[in-house]
C-alpha atoms as a PDB file:
ATOM      1  CA  UNK A   1      17.540   6.937   3.065  1.00  0.00           C
ATOM      2  CA  UNK A   2      18.349   3.218   2.900  1.00  0.00           C
ATOM      3  CA  UNK A   3      16.836   0.874   5.456  1.00  0.00           C
ATOM      4  CA  UNK A   4      17.184  -2.902   5.756  1.00  0.00           C
ATOM      5  CA  UNK A   5      14.732  -5.082   3.841  1.00  0.00           C
ATOM      6  CA  UNK A   6      12.157  -7.066   5.838  1.00  0.00           C
ATOM      7  CA  UNK A   7      10.496 -10.251   4.608  1.00  0.00           C
ATOM      8  CA  UNK A   8       6.833 -11.156   5.067  1.00  0.00           C
ATOM      9  CA  UNK A   9       5.338 -14.587   4.391  1.00  0.00           C
ATOM     10  CA  UNK A  10       2.180 -14.892   2.289  1.00  0.00           C
ATOM     11  CA  UNK A  11      -0.789 -14.103   4.538  1.00  0.00           C
ATOM     12  CA  UNK A  12       1.239 -12.113   7.067  1.00  0.00           C
ATOM     13  CA  UNK A  13       0.002  -8.655   8.052  1.00  0.00           C
ATOM     14  CA  UNK A  14       2.390  -5.749   7.613  1.00  0.00           C
ATOM     15  CA  UNK A  15       0.131  -3.566   9.751  1.00  0.00           C
ATOM     16  CA  UNK A  16      -3.508  -3.447  10.873  1.00  0.00           C
ATOM     17  CA  UNK A  17      -6.094  -0.730  10.454  1.00  0.00           C
ATOM     18  CA  UNK A  18      -6.186   1.429  13.582  1.00  0.00           C
ATOM     19  CA  UNK A  19      -2.612   0.726  14.705  1.00  0.00           C
ATOM     20  CA  UNK A  20      -0.399   3.759  15.319  1.00  0.00           C
ATOM     21  CA  UNK A  21       1.196   4.808  11.999  1.00  0.00           C
ATOM     22  CA  UNK A  22       4.832   4.643  13.047  1.00  0.00           C
ATOM     23  CA  UNK A  23       6.345   3.527   9.714  1.00  0.00           C
ATOM     24  CA  UNK A  24       6.078   3.913   5.960  1.00  0.00           C
ATOM     25  CA  UNK A  25       6.969   0.981   3.726  1.00  0.00           C
ATOM     26  CA  UNK A  26       8.249   0.612   0.184  1.00  0.00           C
ATOM     27  CA  UNK A  27       7.429  -2.634  -1.617  1.00  0.00           C
ATOM     28  CA  UNK A  28      10.649  -4.160  -2.953  1.00  0.00           C
ATOM     29  CA  UNK A  29       9.274  -7.548  -4.040  1.00  0.00           C
ATOM     30  CA  UNK A  30       5.950  -9.392  -3.957  1.00  0.00           C
ATOM     31  CA  UNK A  31       2.273  -8.490  -3.986  1.00  0.00           C
ATOM     32  CA  UNK A  32       0.263  -7.171  -1.057  1.00  0.00           C
ATOM     33  CA  UNK A  33      -3.384  -6.245  -0.566  1.00  0.00           C
ATOM     34  CA  UNK A  34      -4.804  -3.231   1.218  1.00  0.00           C
ATOM     35  CA  UNK A  35      -8.132  -3.970   2.877  1.00  0.00           C
ATOM     36  CA  UNK A  36     -10.690  -2.790   5.366  1.00  0.00           C
ATOM     37  CA  UNK A  37     -12.477  -5.161   7.707  1.00  0.00           C
ATOM     38  CA  UNK A  38     -16.158  -4.328   8.119  1.00  0.00           C
ATOM     39  CA  UNK A  39     -18.040  -4.586  11.409  1.00  0.00           C
ATOM     40  CA  UNK A  40     -19.605  -7.887  10.322  1.00  0.00           C
ATOM     41  CA  UNK A  41     -16.168  -9.403   9.635  1.00  0.00           C
ATOM     42  CA  UNK A  42     -16.231  -9.146   5.830  1.00  0.00           C
ATOM     43  CA  UNK A  43     -13.108  -7.918   4.081  1.00  0.00           C
ATOM     44  CA  UNK A  44     -13.230  -5.240   1.412  1.00  0.00           C
ATOM     45  CA  UNK A  45     -10.096  -5.241  -0.721  1.00  0.00           C
ATOM     46  CA  UNK A  46      -9.171  -1.685  -1.582  1.00  0.00           C
ATOM     47  CA  UNK A  47      -6.315  -2.512  -3.895  1.00  0.00           C
ATOM     48  CA  UNK A  48      -3.096  -4.365  -4.522  1.00  0.00           C
ATOM     49  CA  UNK A  49       0.434  -3.134  -3.974  1.00  0.00           C
ATOM     50  CA  UNK A  50       3.399  -4.063  -6.149  1.00  0.00           C
ATOM     51  CA  UNK A  51       7.131  -3.314  -6.187  1.00  0.00           C
ATOM     52  CA  UNK A  52       7.793   0.420  -6.068  1.00  0.00           C
ATOM     53  CA  UNK A  53       4.550   1.237  -4.243  1.00  0.00           C
ATOM     54  CA  UNK A  54       4.526   3.039  -0.896  1.00  0.00           C
ATOM     55  CA  UNK A  55       2.198   2.025   1.896  1.00  0.00           C
ATOM     56  CA  UNK A  56       1.411   3.332   5.307  1.00  0.00           C
ATOM     57  CA  UNK A  57       2.280   6.919   4.464  1.00  0.00           C
ATOM     58  CA  UNK A  58       1.166   8.625   7.657  1.00  0.00           C
ATOM     59  CA  UNK A  59      -1.646  10.979   6.699  1.00  0.00           C
ATOM     60  CA  UNK A  60      -3.201  10.420  10.127  1.00  0.00           C
ATOM     61  CA  UNK A  61      -1.904   9.138  13.463  1.00  0.00           C
ATOM     62  CA  UNK A  62      -3.249   5.625  12.803  1.00  0.00           C
ATOM     63  CA  UNK A  63      -3.159   3.391   9.737  1.00  0.00           C
ATOM     64  CA  UNK A  64      -6.369   3.762   7.727  1.00  0.00           C
ATOM     65  CA  UNK A  65      -6.387   0.179   6.397  1.00  0.00           C
ATOM     66  CA  UNK A  66      -4.784  -3.244   6.865  1.00  0.00           C
ATOM     67  CA  UNK A  67      -2.039  -4.518   4.562  1.00  0.00           C
ATOM     68  CA  UNK A  68      -1.339  -8.239   4.120  1.00  0.00           C
ATOM     69  CA  UNK A  69       1.142 -10.065   1.913  1.00  0.00           C
ATOM     70  CA  UNK A  70      -0.525 -12.052  -0.883  1.00  0.00           C
ATOM     71  CA  UNK A  71       2.793 -13.597  -1.920  1.00  0.00           C
ATOM     72  CA  UNK A  72       6.073 -13.670  -0.032  1.00  0.00           C
ATOM     73  CA  UNK A  73       7.112 -10.023   0.058  1.00  0.00           C
ATOM     74  CA  UNK A  74      10.099  -7.841   0.824  1.00  0.00           C
ATOM     75  CA  UNK A  75       9.567  -4.327   2.134  1.00  0.00           C
ATOM     76  CA  UNK A  76      11.772  -1.502   3.284  1.00  0.00           C
ATOM     77  CA  UNK A  77      10.504   0.027   6.566  1.00  0.00           C
ATOM     78  CA  UNK A  78      11.189   3.715   7.218  1.00  0.00           C
ATOM     79  CA  UNK A  79      10.295   5.216  10.607  1.00  0.00           C
ATOM     80  CA  UNK A  80       7.711   7.994  10.305  1.00  0.00           C
ATOM     81  CA  UNK A  81       9.867  10.543  12.153  1.00  0.00           C
ATOM     82  CA  UNK A  82      12.850   9.820   9.898  1.00  0.00           C
ATOM     83  CA  UNK A  83      10.715  10.291   6.776  1.00  0.00           C
ATOM     84  CA  UNK A  84       9.342  13.569   8.148  1.00  0.00           C
ATOM     85  CA  UNK A  85      12.816  14.836   9.130  1.00  0.00           C
ATOM     86  CA  UNK A  86      14.425  13.847   5.821  1.00  0.00           C
ATOM     87  CA  UNK A  87      11.646  15.395   3.736  1.00  0.00           C
ATOM     88  CA  UNK A  88      11.836  18.621   5.771  1.00  0.00           C
ATOM     89  CA  UNK A  89      15.578  18.891   5.028  1.00  0.00           C
ATOM     90  CA  UNK A  90      15.392  17.842   1.374  1.00  0.00           C
ATOM     91  CA  UNK A  91      12.723  19.570  -0.746  1.00  0.00           C
ATOM     92  CA  UNK A  92      13.350  17.152  -3.652  1.00  0.00           C
ATOM     93  CA  UNK A  93      12.427  14.212  -1.375  1.00  0.00           C
ATOM     94  CA  UNK A  94       9.218  15.977  -0.311  1.00  0.00           C
ATOM     95  CA  UNK A  95       8.375  16.581  -3.997  1.00  0.00           C
ATOM     96  CA  UNK A  96       9.066  12.930  -4.896  1.00  0.00           C
ATOM     97  CA  UNK A  97       6.918  11.717  -2.009  1.00  0.00           C
ATOM     98  CA  UNK A  98       4.086  14.058  -2.961  1.00  0.00           C
ATOM     99  CA  UNK A  99       4.295  12.959  -6.604  1.00  0.00           C
ATOM    100  CA  UNK A 100       4.137   9.276  -5.652  1.00  0.00           C
ATOM    101  CA  UNK A 101       1.187   9.901  -3.342  1.00  0.00           C
ATOM    102  CA  UNK A 102      -0.675  11.696  -6.132  1.00  0.00           C
ATOM    103  CA  UNK A 103       0.009   8.796  -8.511  1.00  0.00           C
ATOM    104  CA  UNK A 104      -1.248   6.303  -5.933  1.00  0.00           C
ATOM    105  CA  UNK A 105      -4.382   8.338  -5.254  1.00  0.00           C
ATOM    106  CA  UNK A 106      -5.142   8.484  -8.977  1.00  0.00           C
ATOM    107  CA  UNK A 107      -4.620   4.717  -9.266  1.00  0.00           C
ATOM    108  CA  UNK A 108      -6.926   4.135  -6.281  1.00  0.00           C
ATOM    109  CA  UNK A 109      -9.629   6.287  -7.860  1.00  0.00           C
ATOM    110  CA  UNK A 110      -9.279   4.393 -11.152  1.00  0.00           C
ATOM    111  CA  UNK A 111      -9.585   1.116  -9.235  1.00  0.00           C
ATOM    112  CA  UNK A 112     -12.770   2.278  -7.480  1.00  0.00           C
ATOM    113  CA  UNK A 113     -14.380   3.262 -10.772  1.00  0.00           C
ATOM    114  CA  UNK A 114     -13.288  -0.010 -12.368  1.00  0.00           C
ATOM    115  CA  UNK A 115     -14.721  -2.109  -9.530  1.00  0.00           C
ATOM    116  CA  UNK A 116     -17.972  -0.189  -9.266  1.00  0.00           C
ATOM    117  CA  UNK A 117     -18.897  -0.699 -12.914  1.00  0.00           C
ATOM    118  CA  UNK A 118     -17.967  -4.335 -13.474  1.00  0.00           C
ATOM    119  CA  UNK A 119     -19.578  -7.721 -12.966  1.00  0.00           C
ATOM    120  CA  UNK A 120     -17.806 -10.305 -10.791  1.00  0.00           C
ATOM    121  CA  UNK A 121     -16.408 -12.047 -13.894  1.00  0.00           C
ATOM    122  CA  UNK A 122     -15.098  -8.731 -15.263  1.00  0.00           C
ATOM    123  CA  UNK A 123     -13.480  -7.914 -11.914  1.00  0.00           C
ATOM    124  CA  UNK A 124     -11.648 -11.243 -11.838  1.00  0.00           C
ATOM    125  CA  UNK A 125     -10.549 -10.871 -15.470  1.00  0.00           C
ATOM    126  CA  UNK A 126      -9.320  -7.335 -14.791  1.00  0.00           C
ATOM    127  CA  UNK A 127      -7.397  -8.507 -11.742  1.00  0.00           C
ATOM    128  CA  UNK A 128      -5.738 -11.305 -13.727  1.00  0.00           C
ATOM    129  CA  UNK A 129      -4.768  -8.875 -16.486  1.00  0.00           C
ATOM    130  CA  UNK A 130      -3.311  -6.471 -13.944  1.00  0.00           C
ATOM    131  CA  UNK A 131      -1.267  -9.268 -12.361  1.00  0.00           C
ATOM    132  CA  UNK A 132      -0.034 -10.476 -15.756  1.00  0.00           C
ATOM    133  CA  UNK A 133       1.194  -6.982 -16.677  1.00  0.00           C
ATOM    134  CA  UNK A 134       3.265  -6.883 -13.517  1.00  0.00           C
END
């Protein structure tokens, strides 16, 4: 299921929270951030996405968060309907997708625990270590 690679400049939004979830993306290169924008305009960063990560997997009809490129990024865009059709025809693809989603959910839970129990200095240090590990 190969699709062309799209490039996003640092700071560019891949999609916005609340937009119709028409595509799923695979990060090929770069770093992106997933965030929610609160009613008062503050941003809450939910996590960072790196090569190999999936984003925008349509669990609902609309995207649940915003994704922006932190660095120049390359992503592969797959239309939602194509992903659904391919996974319905190929059980191994459905299993791979489910496995990746479970891994990402576990990583998100680890990130929430990490952020909830750390000082600001510890959060920054943890982020820098994560980025250094690649």
